[in-house]
PDB file of all heavy atoms in Angstrom:
ATOM      1  N   ASP A   1      -9.897 -10.036  -0.278  1.00  0.00           N
ATOM      2  CA  ASP A   1      -8.593  -9.628   0.270  1.00  0.00           C
ATOM      3  C   ASP A   1      -8.161  -8.256  -0.144  1.00  0.00           C
ATOM      4  O   ASP A   1      -7.149  -7.720   0.344  1.00  0.00           O
ATOM      5  CB  ASP A   1      -7.492 -10.680  -0.139  1.00  0.00           C
ATOM      6  CG  ASP A   1      -7.251 -10.719  -1.629  1.00  0.00           C
ATOM      7  OD1 ASP A   1      -7.847  -9.905  -2.356  1.00  0.00           O
ATOM      8  OD2 ASP A   1      -6.461 -11.571  -2.055  1.00  0.00           O
ATOM      9  N   HIS A   2      -8.891  -7.619  -1.059  1.00  0.00           N
ATOM     10  CA  HIS A   2      -8.686  -6.267  -1.499  1.00  0.00           C
ATOM     11  C   HIS A   2      -7.268  -6.018  -2.174  1.00  0.00           C
ATOM     12  O   HIS A   2      -6.795  -4.925  -2.174  1.00  0.00           O
ATOM     13  CB  HIS A   2      -8.895  -5.267  -0.342  1.00  0.00           C
ATOM     14  CG  HIS A   2     -10.178  -5.368   0.309  1.00  0.00           C
ATOM     15  ND1 HIS A   2     -11.386  -5.218  -0.362  1.00  0.00           N
ATOM     16  CD2 HIS A   2     -10.564  -5.644   1.639  1.00  0.00           C
ATOM     17  CE1 HIS A   2     -12.414  -5.307   0.477  1.00  0.00           C
ATOM     18  NE2 HIS A   2     -11.891  -5.615   1.682  1.00  0.00           N
ATOM     19  N   VAL A   3      -6.676  -7.064  -2.656  1.00  0.00           N
ATOM     20  CA  VAL A   3      -5.454  -6.950  -3.451  1.00  0.00           C
ATOM     21  C   VAL A   3      -5.770  -6.492  -4.845  1.00  0.00           C
ATOM     22  O   VAL A   3      -6.657  -7.002  -5.505  1.00  0.00           O
ATOM     23  CB  VAL A   3      -4.712  -8.228  -3.489  1.00  0.00           C
ATOM     24  CG1 VAL A   3      -3.500  -8.195  -4.407  1.00  0.00           C
ATOM     25  CG2 VAL A   3      -4.205  -8.642  -2.064  1.00  0.00           C
ATOM     26  N   GLY A   4      -5.150  -5.471  -5.270  1.00  0.00           N
ATOM     27  CA  GLY A   4      -5.318  -4.892  -6.571  1.00  0.00           C
ATOM     28  C   GLY A   4      -5.611  -3.384  -6.513  1.00  0.00           C
ATOM     29  O   GLY A   4      -5.247  -2.693  -5.502  1.00  0.00           O
ATOM     30  N   VAL A   5      -6.185  -2.818  -7.524  1.00  0.00           N
ATOM     31  CA  VAL A   5      -6.498  -1.408  -7.608  1.00  0.00           C
ATOM     32  C   VAL A   5      -8.010  -1.215  -7.697  1.00  0.00           C
ATOM     33  O   VAL A   5      -8.648  -1.827  -8.541  1.00  0.00           O
ATOM     34  CB  VAL A   5      -5.808  -0.795  -8.840  1.00  0.00           C
ATOM     35  CG1 VAL A   5      -6.182   0.674  -8.984  1.00  0.00           C
ATOM     36  CG2 VAL A   5      -4.267  -0.958  -8.794  1.00  0.00           C
ATOM     37  N   PHE A   6      -8.590  -0.390  -6.822  1.00  0.00           N
ATOM     38  CA  PHE A   6     -10.007  -0.255  -6.777  1.00  0.00           C
ATOM     39  C   PHE A   6     -10.409   1.237  -6.542  1.00  0.00           C
ATOM     40  O   PHE A   6      -9.749   1.951  -5.735  1.00  0.00           O
ATOM     41  CB  PHE A   6     -10.613  -1.062  -5.570  1.00  0.00           C
ATOM     42  CG  PHE A   6     -10.277  -2.525  -5.631  1.00  0.00           C
ATOM     43  CD1 PHE A   6      -9.122  -3.009  -5.124  1.00  0.00           C
ATOM     44  CD2 PHE A   6     -11.132  -3.396  -6.283  1.00  0.00           C
ATOM     45  CE1 PHE A   6      -8.836  -4.359  -5.184  1.00  0.00           C
ATOM     46  CE2 PHE A   6     -10.896  -4.714  -6.393  1.00  0.00           C
ATOM     47  CZ  PHE A   6      -9.722  -5.261  -5.848  1.00  0.00           C
ATOM     48  N   ARG A   7     -11.497   1.620  -7.161  1.00  0.00           N
ATOM     49  CA  ARG A   7     -11.999   3.003  -7.000  1.00  0.00           C
ATOM     50  C   ARG A   7     -12.664   3.195  -5.710  1.00  0.00           C
ATOM     51  O   ARG A   7     -13.380   2.279  -5.222  1.00  0.00           O
ATOM     52  CB  ARG A   7     -12.908   3.331  -8.193  1.00  0.00           C
ATOM     53  CG  ARG A   7     -13.313   4.750  -8.296  1.00  0.00           C
ATOM     54  CD  ARG A   7     -14.193   4.971  -9.520  1.00  0.00           C
ATOM     55  NE  ARG A   7     -14.624   6.407  -9.706  1.00  0.00           N
ATOM     56  CZ  ARG A   7     -13.881   7.303 -10.353  1.00  0.00           C
ATOM     57  NH1 ARG A   7     -12.706   6.925 -10.881  1.00  0.00           N
ATOM     58  NH2 ARG A   7     -14.301   8.562 -10.419  1.00  0.00           N
ATOM     59  N   GLN A   8     -12.510   4.332  -5.060  1.00  0.00           N
ATOM     60  CA  GLN A   8     -13.149   4.616  -3.829  1.00  0.00           C
ATOM     61  C   GLN A   8     -14.438   5.437  -4.037  1.00  0.00           C
ATOM     62  O   GLN A   8     -14.733   5.926  -5.167  1.00  0.00           O
ATOM     63  CB  GLN A   8     -12.250   5.483  -2.884  1.00  0.00           C
ATOM     64  CG  GLN A   8     -10.942   4.799  -2.502  1.00  0.00           C
ATOM     65  CD  GLN A   8     -10.083   5.648  -1.574  1.00  0.00           C
ATOM     66  OE1 GLN A   8      -9.045   5.114  -1.156  1.00  0.00           O
ATOM     67  NE2 GLN A   8     -10.414   6.882  -1.356  1.00  0.00           N
ATOM     68  N   THR A   9     -15.195   5.612  -3.011  1.00  0.00           N
ATOM     69  CA  THR A   9     -16.483   6.401  -3.111  1.00  0.00           C
ATOM     70  C   THR A   9     -16.168   7.826  -3.465  1.00  0.00           C
ATOM     71  O   THR A   9     -17.093   8.486  -4.048  1.00  0.00           O
ATOM     72  CB  THR A   9     -17.214   6.320  -1.784  1.00  0.00           C
ATOM     73  OG1 THR A   9     -16.357   6.787  -0.713  1.00  0.00           O
ATOM     74  CG2 THR A   9     -17.694   4.893  -1.454  1.00  0.00           C
ATOM     75  N   ASP A  10     -15.032   8.397  -3.145  1.00  0.00           N
ATOM     76  CA  ASP A  10     -14.767   9.781  -3.444  1.00  0.00           C
ATOM     77  C   ASP A  10     -14.054   9.998  -4.753  1.00  0.00           C
ATOM     78  O   ASP A  10     -13.636  11.071  -5.074  1.00  0.00           O
ATOM     79  CB  ASP A  10     -13.938  10.393  -2.293  1.00  0.00           C
ATOM     80  CG  ASP A  10     -12.599   9.713  -2.109  1.00  0.00           C
ATOM     81  OD1 ASP A  10     -12.262   8.747  -2.879  1.00  0.00           O
ATOM     82  OD2 ASP A  10     -11.839  10.110  -1.151  1.00  0.00           O
ATOM     83  N   GLY A  11     -13.919   8.897  -5.582  1.00  0.00           N
ATOM     84  CA  GLY A  11     -13.221   9.022  -6.824  1.00  0.00           C
ATOM     85  C   GLY A  11     -11.760   8.722  -6.813  1.00  0.00           C
ATOM     86  O   GLY A  11     -11.128   8.556  -7.930  1.00  0.00           O
ATOM     87  N   LYS A  12     -11.141   8.750  -5.636  1.00  0.00           N
ATOM     88  CA  LYS A  12      -9.737   8.284  -5.533  1.00  0.00           C
ATOM     89  C   LYS A  12      -9.711   6.770  -5.555  1.00  0.00           C
ATOM     90  O   LYS A  12     -10.674   6.123  -5.785  1.00  0.00           O
ATOM     91  CB  LYS A  12      -9.146   8.845  -4.256  1.00  0.00           C
ATOM     92  CG  LYS A  12      -9.069  10.400  -4.185  1.00  0.00           C
ATOM     93  CD  LYS A  12      -8.412  10.869  -2.909  1.00  0.00           C
ATOM     94  CE  LYS A  12      -8.316  12.379  -2.877  1.00  0.00           C
ATOM     95  NZ  LYS A  12      -7.785  12.929  -1.581  1.00  0.00           N
ATOM     96  N   TYR A  13      -8.492   6.232  -5.352  1.00  0.00           N
ATOM     97  CA  TYR A  13      -8.311   4.825  -5.443  1.00  0.00           C
ATOM     98  C   TYR A  13      -7.601   4.237  -4.200  1.00  0.00           C
ATOM     99  O   TYR A  13      -6.867   4.952  -3.542  1.00  0.00           O
ATOM    100  CB  TYR A  13      -7.483   4.418  -6.687  1.00  0.00           C
ATOM    101  CG  TYR A  13      -8.237   4.613  -7.985  1.00  0.00           C
ATOM    102  CD1 TYR A  13      -8.373   5.871  -8.516  1.00  0.00           C
ATOM    103  CD2 TYR A  13      -8.799   3.522  -8.620  1.00  0.00           C
ATOM    104  CE1 TYR A  13      -9.098   6.068  -9.695  1.00  0.00           C
ATOM    105  CE2 TYR A  13      -9.549   3.721  -9.877  1.00  0.00           C
ATOM    106  CZ  TYR A  13      -9.672   4.998 -10.333  1.00  0.00           C
ATOM    107  OH  TYR A  13     -10.338   5.175 -11.508  1.00  0.00           O
ATOM    108  N   PHE A  14      -7.849   2.980  -3.897  1.00  0.00           N
ATOM    109  CA  PHE A  14      -7.038   2.311  -2.930  1.00  0.00           C
ATOM    110  C   PHE A  14      -6.302   1.152  -3.650  1.00  0.00           C
ATOM    111  O   PHE A  14      -6.832   0.527  -4.606  1.00  0.00           O
ATOM    112  CB  PHE A  14      -7.815   1.813  -1.701  1.00  0.00           C
ATOM    113  CG  PHE A  14      -8.792   0.737  -1.960  1.00  0.00           C
ATOM    114  CD1 PHE A  14      -8.435  -0.655  -1.923  1.00  0.00           C
ATOM    115  CD2 PHE A  14     -10.154   1.030  -2.067  1.00  0.00           C
ATOM    116  CE1 PHE A  14      -9.389  -1.619  -2.116  1.00  0.00           C
ATOM    117  CE2 PHE A  14     -11.089   0.069  -2.277  1.00  0.00           C
ATOM    118  CZ  PHE A  14     -10.728  -1.255  -2.295  1.00  0.00           C
ATOM    119  N   VAL A  15      -5.103   0.869  -3.144  1.00  0.00           N
ATOM    120  CA  VAL A  15      -4.296  -0.120  -3.711  1.00  0.00           C
ATOM    121  C   VAL A  15      -3.898  -1.127  -2.678  1.00  0.00           C
ATOM    122  O   VAL A  15      -3.349  -0.815  -1.668  1.00  0.00           O
ATOM    123  CB  VAL A  15      -2.961   0.499  -4.315  1.00  0.00           C
ATOM    124  CG1 VAL A  15      -2.050  -0.637  -4.920  1.00  0.00           C
ATOM    125  CG2 VAL A  15      -3.309   1.493  -5.442  1.00  0.00           C
ATOM    126  N   GLY A  16      -4.203  -2.441  -2.926  1.00  0.00           N
ATOM    127  CA  GLY A  16      -3.839  -3.511  -1.994  1.00  0.00           C
ATOM    128  C   GLY A  16      -2.692  -4.346  -2.539  1.00  0.00           C
ATOM    129  O   GLY A  16      -2.702  -4.701  -3.723  1.00  0.00           O
ATOM    130  N   ALA A  17      -1.695  -4.520  -1.700  1.00  0.00           N
ATOM    131  CA  ALA A  17      -0.446  -5.194  -2.168  1.00  0.00           C
ATOM    132  C   ALA A  17      -0.110  -6.384  -1.231  1.00  0.00           C
ATOM    133  O   ALA A  17      -0.365  -6.321   0.013  1.00  0.00           O
ATOM    134  CB  ALA A  17       0.724  -4.212  -2.184  1.00  0.00           C
ATOM    135  N   ALA A  18       0.536  -7.363  -1.806  1.00  0.00           N
ATOM    136  CA  ALA A  18       0.869  -8.594  -1.081  1.00  0.00           C
ATOM    137  C   ALA A  18       2.317  -8.703  -0.792  1.00  0.00           C
ATOM    138  O   ALA A  18       3.126  -8.800  -1.723  1.00  0.00           O
ATOM    139  CB  ALA A  18       0.408  -9.806  -1.887  1.00  0.00           C
ATOM    140  N   PRO A  19       2.754  -8.642   0.508  1.00  0.00           N
ATOM    141  CA  PRO A  19       4.126  -9.024   0.807  1.00  0.00           C
ATOM    142  C   PRO A  19       4.234 -10.558   0.749  1.00  0.00           C
ATOM    143  O   PRO A  19       3.284 -11.233   0.318  1.00  0.00           O
ATOM    144  CB  PRO A  19       4.311  -8.460   2.253  1.00  0.00           C
ATOM    145  CG  PRO A  19       2.935  -8.458   2.801  1.00  0.00           C
ATOM    146  CD  PRO A  19       1.934  -8.281   1.653  1.00  0.00           C
ATOM    147  N   THR A  20       5.327 -11.098   1.158  1.00  0.00           N
ATOM    148  CA  THR A  20       5.483 -12.578   1.180  1.00  0.00           C
ATOM    149  C   THR A  20       5.143 -13.087   2.570  1.00  0.00           C
ATOM    150  O   THR A  20       5.891 -12.873   3.519  1.00  0.00           O
ATOM    151  CB  THR A  20       6.921 -12.951   0.807  1.00  0.00           C
ATOM    152  OG1 THR A  20       7.240 -12.374  -0.525  1.00  0.00           O
ATOM    153  CG2 THR A  20       7.088 -14.423   0.715  1.00  0.00           C
ATOM    154  N   VAL A  21       3.990 -13.764   2.660  1.00  0.00           N
ATOM    155  CA  VAL A  21       3.479 -14.369   3.893  1.00  0.00           C
ATOM    156  C   VAL A  21       3.618 -13.491   5.117  1.00  0.00           C
ATOM    157  O   VAL A  21       3.897 -13.963   6.243  1.00  0.00           O
ATOM    158  CB  VAL A  21       4.073 -15.797   4.102  1.00  0.00           C
ATOM    159  CG1 VAL A  21       3.623 -16.684   3.087  1.00  0.00           C
ATOM    160  CG2 VAL A  21       5.627 -15.736   4.210  1.00  0.00           C
ATOM    161  N   GLY A  22       3.388 -12.212   4.933  1.00  0.00           N
ATOM    162  CA  GLY A  22       3.388 -11.275   6.103  1.00  0.00           C
ATOM    163  C   GLY A  22       4.754 -10.889   6.649  1.00  0.00           C
ATOM    164  O   GLY A  22       4.851 -10.085   7.598  1.00  0.00           O
ATOM    165  N   ARG A  23       5.814 -11.409   6.040  1.00  0.00           N
ATOM    166  CA  ARG A  23       7.163 -11.085   6.580  1.00  0.00           C
ATOM    167  C   ARG A  23       7.625  -9.727   6.001  1.00  0.00           C
ATOM    168  O   ARG A  23       7.792  -9.663   4.819  1.00  0.00           O
ATOM    169  CB  ARG A  23       8.147 -12.241   6.194  1.00  0.00           C
ATOM    170  CG  ARG A  23       9.629 -12.021   6.579  1.00  0.00           C
ATOM    171  CD  ARG A  23       9.871 -11.630   8.039  1.00  0.00           C
ATOM    172  NE  ARG A  23       9.319 -12.550   9.045  1.00  0.00           N
ATOM    173  CZ  ARG A  23       9.844 -13.627   9.511  1.00  0.00           C
ATOM    174  NH1 ARG A  23      11.092 -13.998   9.044  1.00  0.00           N
ATOM    175  NH2 ARG A  23       9.308 -14.330  10.503  1.00  0.00           N
ATOM    176  N   ILE A  24       7.799  -8.810   6.907  1.00  0.00           N
ATOM    177  CA  ILE A  24       8.240  -7.489   6.504  1.00  0.00           C
ATOM    178  C   ILE A  24       9.437  -7.068   7.381  1.00  0.00           C
ATOM    179  O   ILE A  24      10.161  -7.952   7.919  1.00  0.00           O
ATOM    180  CB  ILE A  24       7.113  -6.440   6.613  1.00  0.00           C
ATOM    181  CG1 ILE A  24       6.455  -6.531   7.973  1.00  0.00           C
ATOM    182  CG2 ILE A  24       6.103  -6.687   5.522  1.00  0.00           C
ATOM    183  CD1 ILE A  24       5.387  -5.437   8.246  1.00  0.00           C
ATOM    184  N   SER A  25       9.729  -5.844   7.551  1.00  0.00           N
ATOM    185  CA  SER A  25      10.810  -5.335   8.392  1.00  0.00           C
ATOM    186  C   SER A  25      10.606  -3.838   8.645  1.00  0.00           C
ATOM    187  O   SER A  25       9.829  -3.180   8.007  1.00  0.00           O
ATOM    188  CB  SER A  25      12.170  -5.578   7.715  1.00  0.00           C
ATOM    189  OG  SER A  25      12.246  -4.715   6.588  1.00  0.00           O
ATOM    190  N   GLY A  26      11.319  -3.317   9.675  1.00  0.00           N
ATOM    191  CA  GLY A  26      11.295  -1.931   9.880  1.00  0.00           C
ATOM    192  C   GLY A  26      11.755  -1.132   8.639  1.00  0.00           C
ATOM    193  O   GLY A  26      11.222  -0.100   8.287  1.00  0.00           O
ATOM    194  N   THR A  27      12.883  -1.663   8.038  1.00  0.00           N
ATOM    195  CA  THR A  27      13.376  -0.971   6.858  1.00  0.00           C
ATOM    196  C   THR A  27      12.339  -0.869   5.778  1.00  0.00           C
ATOM    197  O   THR A  27      12.125   0.152   5.118  1.00  0.00           O
ATOM    198  CB  THR A  27      14.577  -1.750   6.331  1.00  0.00           C
ATOM    199  OG1 THR A  27      15.622  -1.733   7.393  1.00  0.00           O
ATOM    200  CG2 THR A  27      15.143  -1.125   5.106  1.00  0.00           C
ATOM    201  N   LEU A  28      11.639  -2.022   5.507  1.00  0.00           N
ATOM    202  CA  LEU A  28      10.629  -2.022   4.509  1.00  0.00           C
ATOM    203  C   LEU A  28       9.451  -1.113   4.842  1.00  0.00           C
ATOM    204  O   LEU A  28       8.965  -0.396   3.955  1.00  0.00           O
ATOM    205  CB  LEU A  28      10.042  -3.448   4.352  1.00  0.00           C
ATOM    206  CG  LEU A  28       8.973  -3.638   3.280  1.00  0.00           C
ATOM    207  CD1 LEU A  28       9.579  -3.539   1.882  1.00  0.00           C
ATOM    208  CD2 LEU A  28       8.259  -4.956   3.433  1.00  0.00           C
ATOM    209  N   LEU A  29       9.050  -1.033   6.086  1.00  0.00           N
ATOM    210  CA  LEU A  29       7.965  -0.141   6.519  1.00  0.00           C
ATOM    211  C   LEU A  29       8.307   1.327   6.283  1.00  0.00           C
ATOM    212  O   LEU A  29       7.483   2.154   5.937  1.00  0.00           O
ATOM    213  CB  LEU A  29       7.542  -0.415   7.928  1.00  0.00           C
ATOM    214  CG  LEU A  29       6.836  -1.763   8.155  1.00  0.00           C
ATOM    215  CD1 LEU A  29       6.526  -1.937   9.606  1.00  0.00           C
ATOM    216  CD2 LEU A  29       5.570  -1.862   7.347  1.00  0.00           C
ATOM    217  N   HIS A  30       9.616   1.664   6.519  1.00  0.00           N
ATOM    218  CA  HIS A  30      10.092   3.025   6.215  1.00  0.00           C
ATOM    219  C   HIS A  30       9.941   3.336   4.726  1.00  0.00           C
ATOM    220  O   HIS A  30       9.526   4.417   4.317  1.00  0.00           O
ATOM    221  CB  HIS A  30      11.483   3.206   6.732  1.00  0.00           C
ATOM    222  CG  HIS A  30      11.563   3.888   8.068  1.00  0.00           C
ATOM    223  ND1 HIS A  30      10.948   5.008   8.395  1.00  0.00           N
ATOM    224  CD2 HIS A  30      12.209   3.465   9.198  1.00  0.00           C
ATOM    225  CE1 HIS A  30      11.185   5.356   9.684  1.00  0.00           C
ATOM    226  NE2 HIS A  30      11.935   4.378  10.138  1.00  0.00           N
ATOM    227  N   GLN A  31      10.318   2.360   3.935  1.00  0.00           N
ATOM    228  CA  GLN A  31      10.235   2.528   2.484  1.00  0.00           C
ATOM    229  C   GLN A  31       8.745   2.618   2.061  1.00  0.00           C
ATOM    230  O   GLN A  31       8.445   3.537   1.261  1.00  0.00           O
ATOM    231  CB  GLN A  31      10.865   1.334   1.785  1.00  0.00           C
ATOM    232  CG  GLN A  31      12.344   1.214   1.952  1.00  0.00           C
ATOM    233  CD  GLN A  31      12.894  -0.114   1.351  1.00  0.00           C
ATOM    234  OE1 GLN A  31      12.325  -1.188   1.505  1.00  0.00           O
ATOM    235  NE2 GLN A  31      13.996  -0.011   0.606  1.00  0.00           N
ATOM    236  N   VAL A  32       7.856   1.895   2.672  1.00  0.00           N
ATOM    237  CA  VAL A  32       6.422   2.026   2.429  1.00  0.00           C
ATOM    238  C   VAL A  32       5.971   3.409   2.780  1.00  0.00           C
ATOM    239  O   VAL A  32       5.264   4.083   2.016  1.00  0.00           O
ATOM    240  CB  VAL A  32       5.622   0.982   3.176  1.00  0.00           C
ATOM    241  CG1 VAL A  32       4.138   1.237   2.995  1.00  0.00           C
ATOM    242  CG2 VAL A  32       5.916  -0.395   2.688  1.00  0.00           C
ATOM    243  N   ALA A  33       6.341   3.940   3.960  1.00  0.00           N
ATOM    244  CA  ALA A  33       5.940   5.222   4.358  1.00  0.00           C
ATOM    245  C   ALA A  33       6.407   6.328   3.423  1.00  0.00           C
ATOM    246  O   ALA A  33       5.669   7.248   3.075  1.00  0.00           O
ATOM    247  CB  ALA A  33       6.464   5.513   5.824  1.00  0.00           C
ATOM    248  N   ASP A  34       7.648   6.212   2.938  1.00  0.00           N
ATOM    249  CA  ASP A  34       8.158   7.211   1.974  1.00  0.00           C
ATOM    250  C   ASP A  34       7.362   7.187   0.713  1.00  0.00           C
ATOM    251  O   ASP A  34       7.010   8.249   0.139  1.00  0.00           O
ATOM    252  CB  ASP A  34       9.635   6.904   1.689  1.00  0.00           C
ATOM    253  CG  ASP A  34      10.543   7.187   2.917  1.00  0.00           C
ATOM    254  OD1 ASP A  34      10.132   7.931   3.810  1.00  0.00           O
ATOM    255  OD2 ASP A  34      11.683   6.683   2.853  1.00  0.00           O
ATOM    256  N   ILE A  35       7.064   5.956   0.219  1.00  0.00           N
ATOM    257  CA  ILE A  35       6.287   5.833  -1.006  1.00  0.00           C
ATOM    258  C   ILE A  35       4.879   6.387  -0.862  1.00  0.00           C
ATOM    259  O   ILE A  35       4.355   7.133  -1.721  1.00  0.00           O
ATOM    260  CB  ILE A  35       6.235   4.345  -1.495  1.00  0.00           C
ATOM    261  CG1 ILE A  35       7.633   3.891  -1.943  1.00  0.00           C
ATOM    262  CG2 ILE A  35       5.245   4.140  -2.611  1.00  0.00           C
ATOM    263  CD1 ILE A  35       7.751   2.407  -2.130  1.00  0.00           C
ATOM    264  N   VAL A  36       4.220   6.052   0.233  1.00  0.00           N
ATOM    265  CA  VAL A  36       2.880   6.507   0.524  1.00  0.00           C
ATOM    266  C   VAL A  36       2.841   8.068   0.530  1.00  0.00           C
ATOM    267  O   VAL A  36       1.955   8.690  -0.030  1.00  0.00           O
ATOM    268  CB  VAL A  36       2.326   5.840   1.766  1.00  0.00           C
ATOM    269  CG1 VAL A  36       0.983   6.541   2.217  1.00  0.00           C
ATOM    270  CG2 VAL A  36       2.163   4.397   1.636  1.00  0.00           C
ATOM    271  N   GLU A  37       3.757   8.585   1.282  1.00  0.00           N
ATOM    272  CA  GLU A  37       3.825  10.064   1.446  1.00  0.00           C
ATOM    273  C   GLU A  37       4.059  10.734   0.059  1.00  0.00           C
ATOM    274  O   GLU A  37       3.434  11.722  -0.258  1.00  0.00           O
ATOM    275  CB  GLU A  37       4.913  10.476   2.459  1.00  0.00           C
ATOM    276  CG  GLU A  37       4.919  11.956   2.721  1.00  0.00           C
ATOM    277  CD  GLU A  37       5.838  12.340   3.805  1.00  0.00           C
ATOM    278  OE1 GLU A  37       6.805  11.536   4.136  1.00  0.00           O
ATOM    279  OE2 GLU A  37       5.666  13.396   4.473  1.00  0.00           O
ATOM    280  N   ALA A  38       4.969  10.161  -0.653  1.00  0.00           N
ATOM    281  CA  ALA A  38       5.335  10.700  -1.989  1.00  0.00           C
ATOM    282  C   ALA A  38       4.104  10.679  -2.990  1.00  0.00           C
ATOM    283  O   ALA A  38       4.046  11.473  -3.891  1.00  0.00           O
ATOM    284  CB  ALA A  38       6.485   9.983  -2.643  1.00  0.00           C
ATOM    285  N   HIS A  39       3.152   9.798  -2.728  1.00  0.00           N
ATOM    286  CA  HIS A  39       1.982   9.663  -3.549  1.00  0.00           C
ATOM    287  C   HIS A  39       0.747  10.293  -2.941  1.00  0.00           C
ATOM    288  O   HIS A  39      -0.403  10.039  -3.333  1.00  0.00           O
ATOM    289  CB  HIS A  39       1.740   8.250  -3.892  1.00  0.00           C
ATOM    290  CG  HIS A  39       2.727   7.679  -4.847  1.00  0.00           C
ATOM    291  ND1 HIS A  39       4.007   7.213  -4.480  1.00  0.00           N
ATOM    292  CD2 HIS A  39       2.718   7.507  -6.249  1.00  0.00           C
ATOM    293  CE1 HIS A  39       4.679   6.823  -5.497  1.00  0.00           C
ATOM    294  NE2 HIS A  39       3.928   6.977  -6.563  1.00  0.00           N
ATOM    295  N   GLY A  40       0.940  11.121  -1.914  1.00  0.00           N
ATOM    296  CA  GLY A  40      -0.137  12.017  -1.412  1.00  0.00           C
ATOM    297  C   GLY A  40      -1.072  11.399  -0.460  1.00  0.00           C
ATOM    298  O   GLY A  40      -2.192  11.923  -0.250  1.00  0.00           O
TER     299      GLY A  40
END
C-alpha cells in the first residue's frame, strides 16, 4: 500500500499517507496541495 516513508531511486523520498476510508474534501485537497508545494 506504500504507506510510510520510503527512499526513491534518485535519493529523494516518497511519503504515503492514509485518510479515513477515502473520505476527503475539496478543502482538504487544497490543504494537501499547499503542503506539497511548501515541501518542494
